[in-house]
Amino acid sequence: MIDLMHITFQNDWSKALQEGNYRADSLLTQGFIHCSTPAQVAGTANRFYAGQTGLLLLGIDSKLVGAEVRWENLEGGEMLFPHIYGLLNLEAVVKVIEFAPGEDGLFPAPELE
């Protein structure tokens, strides 16, 4: 079951497949990998990635994640976001979806079925 999503670039996912686990730059700089729920991910994408191409969505089953998952809002807001505190093991990624913006540069909500 996909209950977490992570936005990444295609080349970063290719690197993860070669290395056997996924690490986002934020793991080194902030100590965790940013994620969203399926309901949150379009908003996250439009806030941080509007107009960018070459992106993928990693559909993650949190029950399969080997590292700790914490639900937090580190910016002081009310909405909680999932953060993975460690490497993301590839077995936890149950679906990979190409994620392209529309003509207006904005991302639609993903279709998971």
PDB file of N, CA and C in Angstrom:
ATOM      1  N   MET A   1       0.845  -1.190   0.000  1.00  0.00           N
ATOM      2  CA  MET A   1       0.000   0.000   0.000  1.00  0.00           C
ATOM      3  C   MET A   1       0.889   1.252   0.000  1.00  0.00           C
ATOM      4  N   ILE A   2       0.618   2.135  -0.902  1.00  0.00           N
ATOM      5  CA  ILE A   2       1.369   3.392  -0.971  1.00  0.00           C
ATOM      6  C   ILE A   2       0.752   4.391   0.008  1.00  0.00           C
ATOM      7  N   ASP A   3       1.509   4.745   1.035  1.00  0.00           N
ATOM      8  CA  ASP A   3       1.028   5.768   1.957  1.00  0.00           C
ATOM      9  C   ASP A   3       2.008   6.937   2.089  1.00  0.00           C
ATOM     10  N   LEU A   4       3.194   6.798   1.474  1.00  0.00           N
ATOM     11  CA  LEU A   4       4.167   7.879   1.431  1.00  0.00           C
ATOM     12  C   LEU A   4       4.619   8.076  -0.011  1.00  0.00           C
ATOM     13  N   MET A   5       4.987   9.307  -0.344  1.00  0.00           N
ATOM     14  CA  MET A   5       5.521   9.589  -1.670  1.00  0.00           C
ATOM     15  C   MET A   5       6.731  10.507  -1.520  1.00  0.00           C
ATOM     16  N   HIS A   6       7.660  10.309  -2.437  1.00  0.00           N
ATOM     17  CA  HIS A   6       8.855  11.154  -2.448  1.00  0.00           C
ATOM     18  C   HIS A   6       9.115  11.584  -3.885  1.00  0.00           C
ATOM     19  N   ILE A   7       9.411  12.852  -4.082  1.00  0.00           N
ATOM     20  CA  ILE A   7       9.716  13.399  -5.403  1.00  0.00           C
ATOM     21  C   ILE A   7      11.225  13.351  -5.590  1.00  0.00           C
ATOM     22  N   THR A   8      11.661  12.814  -6.712  1.00  0.00           N
ATOM     23  CA  THR A   8      13.091  12.752  -6.988  1.00  0.00           C
ATOM     24  C   THR A   8      13.341  12.933  -8.481  1.00  0.00           C
ATOM     25  N   PHE A   9      14.591  13.132  -8.823  1.00  0.00           N
ATOM     26  CA  PHE A   9      14.969  13.226 -10.227  1.00  0.00           C
ATOM     27  C   PHE A   9      15.320  11.836 -10.751  1.00  0.00           C
ATOM     28  N   GLN A  10      15.062  11.617 -12.026  1.00  0.00           N
ATOM     29  CA  GLN A  10      15.291  10.316 -12.638  1.00  0.00           C
ATOM     30  C   GLN A  10      16.724   9.834 -12.435  1.00  0.00           C
ATOM     31  N   ASN A  11      17.696  10.742 -12.579  1.00  0.00           N
ATOM     32  CA  ASN A  11      19.095  10.306 -12.425  1.00  0.00           C
ATOM     33  C   ASN A  11      19.408   9.910 -10.985  1.00  0.00           C
ATOM     34  N   ASP A  12      18.761  10.525  -9.989  1.00  0.00           N
ATOM     35  CA  ASP A  12      18.977  10.136  -8.589  1.00  0.00           C
ATOM     36  C   ASP A  12      18.395   8.753  -8.319  1.00  0.00           C
ATOM     37  N   TRP A  13      17.266   8.435  -8.934  1.00  0.00           N
ATOM     38  CA  TRP A  13      16.672   7.110  -8.776  1.00  0.00           C
ATOM     39  C   TRP A  13      17.543   6.058  -9.468  1.00  0.00           C
ATOM     40  N   SER A  14      18.067   6.383 -10.634  1.00  0.00           N
ATOM     41  CA  SER A  14      18.969   5.451 -11.329  1.00  0.00           C
ATOM     42  C   SER A  14      20.186   5.147 -10.465  1.00  0.00           C
ATOM     43  N   LYS A  15      20.723   6.164  -9.813  1.00  0.00           N
ATOM     44  CA  LYS A  15      21.870   5.986  -8.915  1.00  0.00           C
ATOM     45  C   LYS A  15      21.495   5.077  -7.745  1.00  0.00           C
ATOM     46  N   ALA A  16      20.299   5.254  -7.209  1.00  0.00           N
ATOM     47  CA  ALA A  16      19.840   4.419  -6.097  1.00  0.00           C
ATOM     48  C   ALA A  16      19.746   2.957  -6.518  1.00  0.00           C
ATOM     49  N   LEU A  17      19.255   2.717  -7.728  1.00  0.00           N
ATOM     50  CA  LEU A  17      19.149   1.348  -8.210  1.00  0.00           C
ATOM     51  C   LEU A  17      20.524   0.700  -8.317  1.00  0.00           C
ATOM     52  N   GLN A  18      21.521   1.467  -8.687  1.00  0.00           N
ATOM     53  CA  GLN A  18      22.891   0.941  -8.773  1.00  0.00           C
ATOM     54  C   GLN A  18      23.494   0.702  -7.386  1.00  0.00           C
ATOM     55  N   GLU A  19      23.193   1.594  -6.439  1.00  0.00           N
ATOM     56  CA  GLU A  19      23.791   1.512  -5.106  1.00  0.00           C
ATOM     57  C   GLU A  19      23.047   0.579  -4.159  1.00  0.00           C
ATOM     58  N   GLY A  20      21.780   0.295  -4.441  1.00  0.00           N
ATOM     59  CA  GLY A  20      21.011  -0.601  -3.589  1.00  0.00           C
ATOM     60  C   GLY A  20      20.197   0.073  -2.513  1.00  0.00           C
ATOM     61  N   ASN A  21      20.241   1.403  -2.428  1.00  0.00           N
ATOM     62  CA  ASN A  21      19.385   2.166  -1.521  1.00  0.00           C
ATOM     63  C   ASN A  21      19.318   3.599  -2.027  1.00  0.00           C
ATOM     64  N   TYR A  22      18.322   4.336  -1.522  1.00  0.00           N
ATOM     65  CA  TYR A  22      18.111   5.705  -1.974  1.00  0.00           C
ATOM     66  C   TYR A  22      18.475   6.667  -0.847  1.00  0.00           C
ATOM     67  N   ARG A  23      19.195   7.701  -1.215  1.00  0.00           N
ATOM     68  CA  ARG A  23      19.510   8.766  -0.263  1.00  0.00           C
ATOM     69  C   ARG A  23      19.273  10.105  -0.968  1.00  0.00           C
ATOM     70  N   ALA A  24      18.448  10.926  -0.395  1.00  0.00           N
ATOM     71  CA  ALA A  24      18.227  12.278  -0.920  1.00  0.00           C
ATOM     72  C   ALA A  24      19.308  13.189  -0.369  1.00  0.00           C
ATOM     73  N   ASP A  25      19.575  14.292  -1.059  1.00  0.00           N
ATOM     74  CA  ASP A  25      20.535  15.282  -0.556  1.00  0.00           C
ATOM     75  C   ASP A  25      20.153  15.762   0.842  1.00  0.00           C
ATOM     76  N   SER A  26      18.846  15.829   1.114  1.00  0.00           N
ATOM     77  CA  SER A  26      18.389  16.311   2.421  1.00  0.00           C
ATOM     78  C   SER A  26      18.792  15.375   3.560  1.00  0.00           C
ATOM     79  N   LEU A  27      19.057  14.115   3.245  1.00  0.00           N
ATOM     80  CA  LEU A  27      19.507  13.202   4.297  1.00  0.00           C
ATOM     81  C   LEU A  27      20.848  13.674   4.867  1.00  0.00           C
ATOM     82  N   LEU A  28      21.715  14.176   4.001  1.00  0.00           N
ATOM     83  CA  LEU A  28      23.008  14.695   4.457  1.00  0.00           C
ATOM     84  C   LEU A  28      22.890  16.078   5.083  1.00  0.00           C
ATOM     85  N   THR A  29      22.037  16.932   4.513  1.00  0.00           N
ATOM     86  CA  THR A  29      21.974  18.322   4.978  1.00  0.00           C
ATOM     87  C   THR A  29      21.009  18.531   6.143  1.00  0.00           C
ATOM     88  N   GLN A  30      19.928  17.706   6.195  1.00  0.00           N
ATOM     89  CA  GLN A  30      18.918  17.907   7.235  1.00  0.00           C
ATOM     90  C   GLN A  30      18.711  16.680   8.121  1.00  0.00           C
ATOM     91  N   GLY A  31      19.262  15.551   7.719  1.00  0.00           N
ATOM     92  CA  GLY A  31      19.150  14.346   8.531  1.00  0.00           C
ATOM     93  C   GLY A  31      17.978  13.452   8.202  1.00  0.00           C
ATOM     94  N   PHE A  32      17.207  13.803   7.170  1.00  0.00           N
ATOM     95  CA  PHE A  32      16.057  12.977   6.804  1.00  0.00           C
ATOM     96  C   PHE A  32      15.699  13.167   5.338  1.00  0.00           C
ATOM     97  N   ILE A  33      14.851  12.268   4.841  1.00  0.00           N
ATOM     98  CA  ILE A  33      14.322  12.354   3.475  1.00  0.00           C
ATOM     99  C   ILE A  33      12.905  12.890   3.568  1.00  0.00           C
ATOM    100  N   HIS A  34      12.639  13.978   2.878  1.00  0.00           N
ATOM    101  CA  HIS A  34      11.299  14.569   2.852  1.00  0.00           C
ATOM    102  C   HIS A  34      10.333  13.669   2.092  1.00  0.00           C
ATOM    103  N   CYS A  35       9.151  13.467   2.640  1.00  0.00           N
ATOM    104  CA  CYS A  35       8.090  12.734   1.946  1.00  0.00           C
ATOM    105  C   CYS A  35       6.783  13.501   2.107  1.00  0.00           C
ATOM    106  N   SER A  36       5.785  13.026   1.400  1.00  0.00           N
ATOM    107  CA  SER A  36       4.427  13.558   1.488  1.00  0.00           C
ATOM    108  C   SER A  36       3.480  12.373   1.449  1.00  0.00           C
ATOM    109  N   THR A  37       2.247  12.614   1.816  1.00  0.00           N
ATOM    110  CA  THR A  37       1.220  11.613   1.578  1.00  0.00           C
ATOM    111  C   THR A  37       0.767  11.770   0.126  1.00  0.00           C
ATOM    112  N   PRO A  38       0.048  10.794  -0.421  1.00  0.00           N
ATOM    113  CA  PRO A  38      -0.487  10.981  -1.769  1.00  0.00           C
ATOM    114  C   PRO A  38      -1.351  12.242  -1.891  1.00  0.00           C
ATOM    115  N   ALA A  39      -2.071  12.592  -0.834  1.00  0.00           N
ATOM    116  CA  ALA A  39      -2.916  13.795  -0.867  1.00  0.00           C
ATOM    117  C   ALA A  39      -2.092  15.081  -0.812  1.00  0.00           C
ATOM    118  N   GLN A  40      -0.906  15.039  -0.242  1.00  0.00           N
ATOM    119  CA  GLN A  40      -0.060  16.231  -0.091  1.00  0.00           C
ATOM    120  C   GLN A  40       0.896  16.456  -1.251  1.00  0.00           C
ATOM    121  N   VAL A  41       1.197  15.418  -2.031  1.00  0.00           N
ATOM    122  CA  VAL A  41       2.353  15.474  -2.929  1.00  0.00           C
ATOM    123  C   VAL A  41       2.212  16.505  -4.054  1.00  0.00           C
ATOM    124  N   ALA A  42       1.026  16.724  -4.598  1.00  0.00           N
ATOM    125  CA  ALA A  42       0.878  17.730  -5.659  1.00  0.00           C
ATOM    126  C   ALA A  42       1.180  19.123  -5.106  1.00  0.00           C
ATOM    127  N   GLY A  43       0.710  19.419  -3.903  1.00  0.00           N
ATOM    128  CA  GLY A  43       1.006  20.705  -3.284  1.00  0.00           C
ATOM    129  C   GLY A  43       2.495  20.891  -3.041  1.00  0.00           C
ATOM    130  N   THR A  44       3.149  19.829  -2.580  1.00  0.00           N
ATOM    131  CA  THR A  44       4.591  19.875  -2.367  1.00  0.00           C
ATOM    132  C   THR A  44       5.317  20.115  -3.688  1.00  0.00           C
ATOM    133  N   ALA A  45       4.912  19.376  -4.710  1.00  0.00           N
ATOM    134  CA  ALA A  45       5.544  19.511  -6.027  1.00  0.00           C
ATOM    135  C   ALA A  45       5.374  20.925  -6.573  1.00  0.00           C
ATOM    136  N   ASN A  46       4.190  21.470  -6.439  1.00  0.00           N
ATOM    137  CA  ASN A  46       3.937  22.804  -6.979  1.00  0.00           C
ATOM    138  C   ASN A  46       4.649  23.892  -6.184  1.00  0.00           C
ATOM    139  N   ARG A  47       4.907  23.637  -4.930  1.00  0.00           N
ATOM    140  CA  ARG A  47       5.623  24.610  -4.108  1.00  0.00           C
ATOM    141  C   ARG A  47       7.121  24.608  -4.407  1.00  0.00           C
ATOM    142  N   PHE A  48       7.688  23.428  -4.612  1.00  0.00           N
ATOM    143  CA  PHE A  48       9.147  23.324  -4.709  1.00  0.00           C
ATOM    144  C   PHE A  48       9.682  22.967  -6.099  1.00  0.00           C
ATOM    145  N   TYR A  49       8.827  22.426  -6.982  1.00  0.00           N
ATOM    146  CA  TYR A  49       9.319  21.918  -8.270  1.00  0.00           C
ATOM    147  C   TYR A  49       8.562  22.455  -9.482  1.00  0.00           C
ATOM    148  N   ALA A  50       7.744  23.473  -9.336  1.00  0.00           N
ATOM    149  CA  ALA A  50       6.919  23.971 -10.443  1.00  0.00           C
ATOM    150  C   ALA A  50       7.753  24.189 -11.700  1.00  0.00           C
ATOM    151  N   GLY A  51       7.283  23.642 -12.805  1.00  0.00           N
ATOM    152  CA  GLY A  51       7.933  23.811 -14.093  1.00  0.00           C
ATOM    153  C   GLY A  51       9.123  22.910 -14.346  1.00  0.00           C
ATOM    154  N   GLN A  52       9.554  22.140 -13.369  1.00  0.00           N
ATOM    155  CA  GLN A  52      10.726  21.281 -13.553  1.00  0.00           C
ATOM    156  C   GLN A  52      10.328  19.952 -14.203  1.00  0.00           C
ATOM    157  N   THR A  53      11.244  19.418 -14.959  1.00  0.00           N
ATOM    158  CA  THR A  53      11.001  18.142 -15.639  1.00  0.00           C
ATOM    159  C   THR A  53      12.042  17.125 -15.181  1.00  0.00           C
ATOM    160  N   GLY A  54      11.867  15.887 -15.636  1.00  0.00           N
ATOM    161  CA  GLY A  54      12.796  14.820 -15.269  1.00  0.00           C
ATOM    162  C   GLY A  54      12.548  14.267 -13.878  1.00  0.00           C
ATOM    163  N   LEU A  55      11.319  14.437 -13.386  1.00  0.00           N
ATOM    164  CA  LEU A  55      10.997  14.004 -12.028  1.00  0.00           C
ATOM    165  C   LEU A  55      10.271  12.662 -12.010  1.00  0.00           C
ATOM    166  N   LEU A  56      10.428  11.980 -10.899  1.00  0.00           N
ATOM    167  CA  LEU A  56       9.702  10.752 -10.623  1.00  0.00           C
ATOM    168  C   LEU A  56       9.060  10.867  -9.253  1.00  0.00           C
ATOM    169  N   LEU A  57       7.968  10.138  -9.081  1.00  0.00           N
ATOM    170  CA  LEU A  57       7.370   9.969  -7.761  1.00  0.00           C
ATOM    171  C   LEU A  57       7.682   8.554  -7.299  1.00  0.00           C
ATOM    172  N   LEU A  58       8.226   8.439  -6.113  1.00  0.00           N
ATOM    173  CA  LEU A  58       8.431   7.132  -5.525  1.00  0.00           C
ATOM    174  C   LEU A  58       7.236   6.853  -4.616  1.00  0.00           C
ATOM    175  N   GLY A  59       6.501   5.814  -4.923  1.00  0.00           N
ATOM    176  CA  GLY A  59       5.389   5.374  -4.082  1.00  0.00           C
ATOM    177  C   GLY A  59       5.936   4.409  -3.048  1.00  0.00           C
ATOM    178  N   ILE A  60       5.800   4.749  -1.786  1.00  0.00           N
ATOM    179  CA  ILE A  60       6.454   4.024  -0.702  1.00  0.00           C
ATOM    180  C   ILE A  60       5.415   3.427   0.243  1.00  0.00           C
ATOM    181  N   ASP A  61       5.651   2.178   0.642  1.00  0.00           N
ATOM    182  CA  ASP A  61       4.854   1.532   1.687  1.00  0.00           C
ATOM    183  C   ASP A  61       5.614   1.720   2.994  1.00  0.00           C
ATOM    184  N   SER A  62       5.087   2.532   3.888  1.00  0.00           N
ATOM    185  CA  SER A  62       5.806   2.869   5.116  1.00  0.00           C
ATOM    186  C   SER A  62       6.073   1.645   5.989  1.00  0.00           C
ATOM    187  N   LYS A  63       5.262   0.615   5.861  1.00  0.00           N
ATOM    188  CA  LYS A  63       5.477  -0.596   6.657  1.00  0.00           C
ATOM    189  C   LYS A  63       6.743  -1.337   6.237  1.00  0.00           C
ATOM    190  N   LEU A  64       7.238  -1.054   5.021  1.00  0.00           N
ATOM    191  CA  LEU A  64       8.424  -1.722   4.507  1.00  0.00           C
ATOM    192  C   LEU A  64       9.697  -0.903   4.669  1.00  0.00           C
ATOM    193  N   VAL A  65       9.560   0.345   5.153  1.00  0.00           N
ATOM    194  CA  VAL A  65      10.720   1.221   5.319  1.00  0.00           C
ATOM    195  C   VAL A  65      11.544   0.746   6.515  1.00  0.00           C
ATOM    196  N   GLY A  66      12.840   0.543   6.295  1.00  0.00           N
ATOM    197  CA  GLY A  66      13.720   0.074   7.358  1.00  0.00           C
ATOM    198  C   GLY A  66      14.098   1.149   8.360  1.00  0.00           C
ATOM    199  N   ALA A  67      14.146   2.395   7.933  1.00  0.00           N
ATOM    200  CA  ALA A  67      14.527   3.507   8.813  1.00  0.00           C
ATOM    201  C   ALA A  67      13.285   4.046   9.539  1.00  0.00           C
ATOM    202  N   GLU A  68      13.535   4.873  10.536  1.00  0.00           N
ATOM    203  CA  GLU A  68      12.437   5.477  11.290  1.00  0.00           C
ATOM    204  C   GLU A  68      11.691   6.505  10.427  1.00  0.00           C
ATOM    205  N   VAL A  69      10.354   6.489  10.514  1.00  0.00           N
ATOM    206  CA  VAL A  69       9.503   7.483   9.851  1.00  0.00           C
ATOM    207  C   VAL A  69       8.862   8.323  10.955  1.00  0.00           C
ATOM    208  N   ARG A  70       9.065   9.632  10.875  1.00  0.00           N
ATOM    209  CA  ARG A  70       8.455  10.560  11.835  1.00  0.00           C
ATOM    210  C   ARG A  70       7.505  11.485  11.099  1.00  0.00           C
ATOM    211  N   TRP A  71       6.380  11.802  11.734  1.00  0.00           N
ATOM    212  CA  TRP A  71       5.409  12.757  11.191  1.00  0.00           C
ATOM    213  C   TRP A  71       5.610  14.074  11.922  1.00  0.00           C
ATOM    214  N   GLU A  72       6.019  15.112  11.161  1.00  0.00           N
ATOM    215  CA  GLU A  72       6.359  16.383  11.789  1.00  0.00           C
ATOM    216  C   GLU A  72       6.104  17.543  10.842  1.00  0.00           C
ATOM    217  N   ASN A  73       6.031  18.728  11.418  1.00  0.00           N
ATOM    218  CA  ASN A  73       6.056  19.947  10.640  1.00  0.00           C
ATOM    219  C   ASN A  73       7.145  20.814  11.238  1.00  0.00           C
ATOM    220  N   LEU A  74       8.250  20.873  10.535  1.00  0.00           N
ATOM    221  CA  LEU A  74       9.406  21.588  11.068  1.00  0.00           C
ATOM    222  C   LEU A  74       9.371  23.075  10.745  1.00  0.00           C
ATOM    223  N   GLU A  75       8.353  23.502   9.983  1.00  0.00           N
ATOM    224  CA  GLU A  75       8.237  24.923   9.651  1.00  0.00           C
ATOM    225  C   GLU A  75       7.202  25.620  10.528  1.00  0.00           C
ATOM    226  N   GLY A  76       6.650  24.910  11.500  1.00  0.00           N
ATOM    227  CA  GLY A  76       5.712  25.521  12.424  1.00  0.00           C
ATOM    228  C   GLY A  76       4.266  25.508  11.981  1.00  0.00           C
ATOM    229  N   GLY A  77       3.960  24.884  10.854  1.00  0.00           N
ATOM    230  CA  GLY A  77       2.575  24.810  10.406  1.00  0.00           C
ATOM    231  C   GLY A  77       1.821  23.714  11.123  1.00  0.00           C
ATOM    232  N   GLU A  78       0.569  23.529  10.728  1.00  0.00           N
ATOM    233  CA  GLU A  78      -0.271  22.528  11.380  1.00  0.00           C
ATOM    234  C   GLU A  78      -0.262  21.186  10.656  1.00  0.00           C
ATOM    235  N   MET A  79       0.043  21.162   9.367  1.00  0.00           N
ATOM    236  CA  MET A  79       0.028  19.922   8.610  1.00  0.00           C
ATOM    237  C   MET A  79       1.304  19.131   8.861  1.00  0.00           C
ATOM    238  N   LEU A  80       1.146  17.858   9.192  1.00  0.00           N
ATOM    239  CA  LEU A  80       2.293  16.998   9.440  1.00  0.00           C
ATOM    240  C   LEU A  80       2.733  16.318   8.145  1.00  0.00           C
ATOM    241  N   PHE A  81       4.042  16.203   7.974  1.00  0.00           N
ATOM    242  CA  PHE A  81       4.623  15.538   6.810  1.00  0.00           C
ATOM    243  C   PHE A  81       5.501  14.386   7.286  1.00  0.00           C
ATOM    244  N   PRO A  82       5.533  13.295   6.520  1.00  0.00           N
ATOM    245  CA  PRO A  82       6.394  12.178   6.894  1.00  0.00           C
ATOM    246  C   PRO A  82       7.842  12.428   6.479  1.00  0.00           C
ATOM    247  N   HIS A  83       8.761  12.097   7.377  1.00  0.00           N
ATOM    248  CA  HIS A  83      10.193  12.217   7.123  1.00  0.00           C
ATOM    249  C   HIS A  83      10.842  10.870   7.437  1.00  0.00           C
ATOM    250  N   ILE A  84      11.721  10.424   6.549  1.00  0.00           N
ATOM    251  CA  ILE A  84      12.431   9.162   6.746  1.00  0.00           C
ATOM    252  C   ILE A  84      13.829   9.494   7.263  1.00  0.00           C
ATOM    253  N   TYR A  85      14.126   9.029   8.472  1.00  0.00           N
ATOM    254  CA  TYR A  85      15.401   9.324   9.124  1.00  0.00           C
ATOM    255  C   TYR A  85      16.410   8.208   8.858  1.00  0.00           C
ATOM    256  N   GLY A  86      16.891   8.147   7.645  1.00  0.00           N
ATOM    257  CA  GLY A  86      17.880   7.159   7.241  1.00  0.00           C
ATOM    258  C   GLY A  86      17.742   6.858   5.774  1.00  0.00           C
ATOM    259  N   LEU A  87      18.537   5.911   5.301  1.00  0.00           N
ATOM    260  CA  LEU A  87      18.461   5.498   3.905  1.00  0.00           C
ATOM    261  C   LEU A  87      17.108   4.857   3.625  1.00  0.00           C
ATOM    262  N   LEU A  88      16.621   5.047   2.409  1.00  0.00           N
ATOM    263  CA  LEU A  88      15.387   4.397   1.983  1.00  0.00           C
ATOM    264  C   LEU A  88      15.756   3.101   1.280  1.00  0.00           C
ATOM    265  N   ASN A  89      15.351   1.981   1.875  1.00  0.00           N
ATOM    266  CA  ASN A  89      15.597   0.684   1.261  1.00  0.00           C
ATOM    267  C   ASN A  89      14.680   0.510   0.048  1.00  0.00           C
ATOM    268  N   LEU A  90      15.218  -0.027  -1.022  1.00  0.00           N
ATOM    269  CA  LEU A  90      14.496  -0.110  -2.294  1.00  0.00           C
ATOM    270  C   LEU A  90      13.242  -0.973  -2.216  1.00  0.00           C
ATOM    271  N   GLU A  91      13.218  -1.966  -1.323  1.00  0.00           N
ATOM    272  CA  GLU A  91      12.030  -2.818  -1.205  1.00  0.00           C
ATOM    273  C   GLU A  91      10.794  -2.036  -0.772  1.00  0.00           C
ATOM    274  N   ALA A  92      10.997  -0.903  -0.105  1.00  0.00           N
ATOM    275  CA  ALA A  92       9.879  -0.093   0.367  1.00  0.00           C
ATOM    276  C   ALA A  92       9.242   0.720  -0.760  1.00  0.00           C
ATOM    277  N   VAL A  93       9.949   0.867  -1.877  1.00  0.00           N
ATOM    278  CA  VAL A  93       9.415   1.604  -3.023  1.00  0.00           C
ATOM    279  C   VAL A  93       8.621   0.611  -3.877  1.00  0.00           C
ATOM    280  N   VAL A  94       7.310   0.721  -3.795  1.00  0.00           N
ATOM    281  CA  VAL A  94       6.448  -0.260  -4.463  1.00  0.00           C
ATOM    282  C   VAL A  94       5.949   0.207  -5.825  1.00  0.00           C
ATOM    283  N   LYS A  95       6.163   1.485  -6.132  1.00  0.00           N
ATOM    284  CA  LYS A  95       5.757   2.010  -7.441  1.00  0.00           C
ATOM    285  C   LYS A  95       6.597   3.241  -7.764  1.00  0.00           C
ATOM    286  N   VAL A  96       6.992   3.347  -9.028  1.00  0.00           N
ATOM    287  CA  VAL A  96       7.717   4.520  -9.520  1.00  0.00           C
ATOM    288  C   VAL A  96       6.886   5.111 -10.654  1.00  0.00           C
ATOM    289  N   ILE A  97       6.586   6.387 -10.552  1.00  0.00           N
ATOM    290  CA  ILE A  97       5.681   7.056 -11.491  1.00  0.00           C
ATOM    291  C   ILE A  97       6.394   8.241 -12.126  1.00  0.00           C
ATOM    292  N   GLU A  98       6.374   8.325 -13.456  1.00  0.00           N
ATOM    293  CA  GLU A  98       6.887   9.532 -14.105  1.00  0.00           C
ATOM    294  C   GLU A  98       5.993  10.689 -13.696  1.00  0.00           C
ATOM    295  N   PHE A  99       6.613  11.832 -13.383  1.00  0.00           N
ATOM    296  CA  PHE A  99       5.867  12.953 -12.812  1.00  0.00           C
ATOM    297  C   PHE A  99       6.233  14.212 -13.577  1.00  0.00           C
ATOM    298  N   ALA A 100       5.366  14.595 -14.487  1.00  0.00           N
ATOM    299  CA  ALA A 100       5.619  15.760 -15.333  1.00  0.00           C
ATOM    300  C   ALA A 100       4.578  16.844 -15.055  1.00  0.00           C
ATOM    301  N   PRO A 101       4.988  18.095 -15.116  1.00  0.00           N
ATOM    302  CA  PRO A 101       4.020  19.180 -14.932  1.00  0.00           C
ATOM    303  C   PRO A 101       3.153  19.337 -16.176  1.00  0.00           C
ATOM    304  N   GLY A 102       2.006  19.968 -15.982  1.00  0.00           N
ATOM    305  CA  GLY A 102       1.155  20.299 -17.105  1.00  0.00           C
ATOM    306  C   GLY A 102       1.718  21.490 -17.869  1.00  0.00           C
ATOM    307  N   GLU A 103       1.019  21.915 -18.888  1.00  0.00           N
ATOM    308  CA  GLU A 103       1.468  23.048 -19.711  1.00  0.00           C
ATOM    309  C   GLU A 103       1.635  24.321 -18.898  1.00  0.00           C
ATOM    310  N   ASP A 104       0.880  24.424 -17.800  1.00  0.00           N
ATOM    311  CA  ASP A 104       0.975  25.609 -16.939  1.00  0.00           C
ATOM    312  C   ASP A 104       2.133  25.515 -15.937  1.00  0.00           C
ATOM    313  N   GLY A 105       2.897  24.394 -15.993  1.00  0.00           N
ATOM    314  CA  GLY A 105       4.033  24.214 -15.100  1.00  0.00           C
ATOM    315  C   GLY A 105       3.672  23.599 -13.757  1.00  0.00           C
ATOM    316  N   LEU A 106       2.380  23.352 -13.539  1.00  0.00           N
ATOM    317  CA  LEU A 106       1.925  22.807 -12.258  1.00  0.00           C
ATOM    318  C   LEU A 106       1.695  21.300 -12.358  1.00  0.00           C
ATOM    319  N   PHE A 107       1.809  20.627 -11.229  1.00  0.00           N
ATOM    320  CA  PHE A 107       1.676  19.187 -11.172  1.00  0.00           C
ATOM    321  C   PHE A 107       0.271  18.786 -10.717  1.00  0.00           C
ATOM    322  N   PRO A 108      -0.315  17.808 -11.387  1.00  0.00           N
ATOM    323  CA  PRO A 108      -1.604  17.269 -10.948  1.00  0.00           C
ATOM    324  C   PRO A 108      -1.396  16.250  -9.833  1.00  0.00           C
ATOM    325  N   ALA A 109      -2.457  15.917  -9.153  1.00  0.00           N
ATOM    326  CA  ALA A 109      -2.378  14.827  -8.170  1.00  0.00           C
ATOM    327  C   ALA A 109      -2.084  13.528  -8.912  1.00  0.00           C
ATOM    328  N   PRO A 110      -1.257  12.675  -8.342  1.00  0.00           N
ATOM    329  CA  PRO A 110      -0.902  11.431  -9.031  1.00  0.00           C
ATOM    330  C   PRO A 110      -2.063  10.445  -9.056  1.00  0.00           C
ATOM    331  N   GLU A 111      -2.083   9.636 -10.103  1.00  0.00           N
ATOM    332  CA  GLU A 111      -3.045   8.549 -10.170  1.00  0.00           C
ATOM    333  C   GLU A 111      -2.322   7.292  -9.719  1.00  0.00           C
ATOM    334  N   LEU A 112      -2.783   6.689  -8.630  1.00  0.00           N
ATOM    335  CA  LEU A 112      -2.064   5.560  -8.052  1.00  0.00           C
ATOM    336  C   LEU A 112      -2.607   4.213  -8.484  1.00  0.00           C
ATOM    337  N   GLU A 113      -3.738   4.165  -9.098  1.00  0.00           N
ATOM    338  CA  GLU A 113      -4.314   2.867  -9.498  1.00  0.00           C
ATOM    339  C   GLU A 113      -3.750   2.398 -10.800  1.00  0.00           C
TER     340      GLU A 113
END
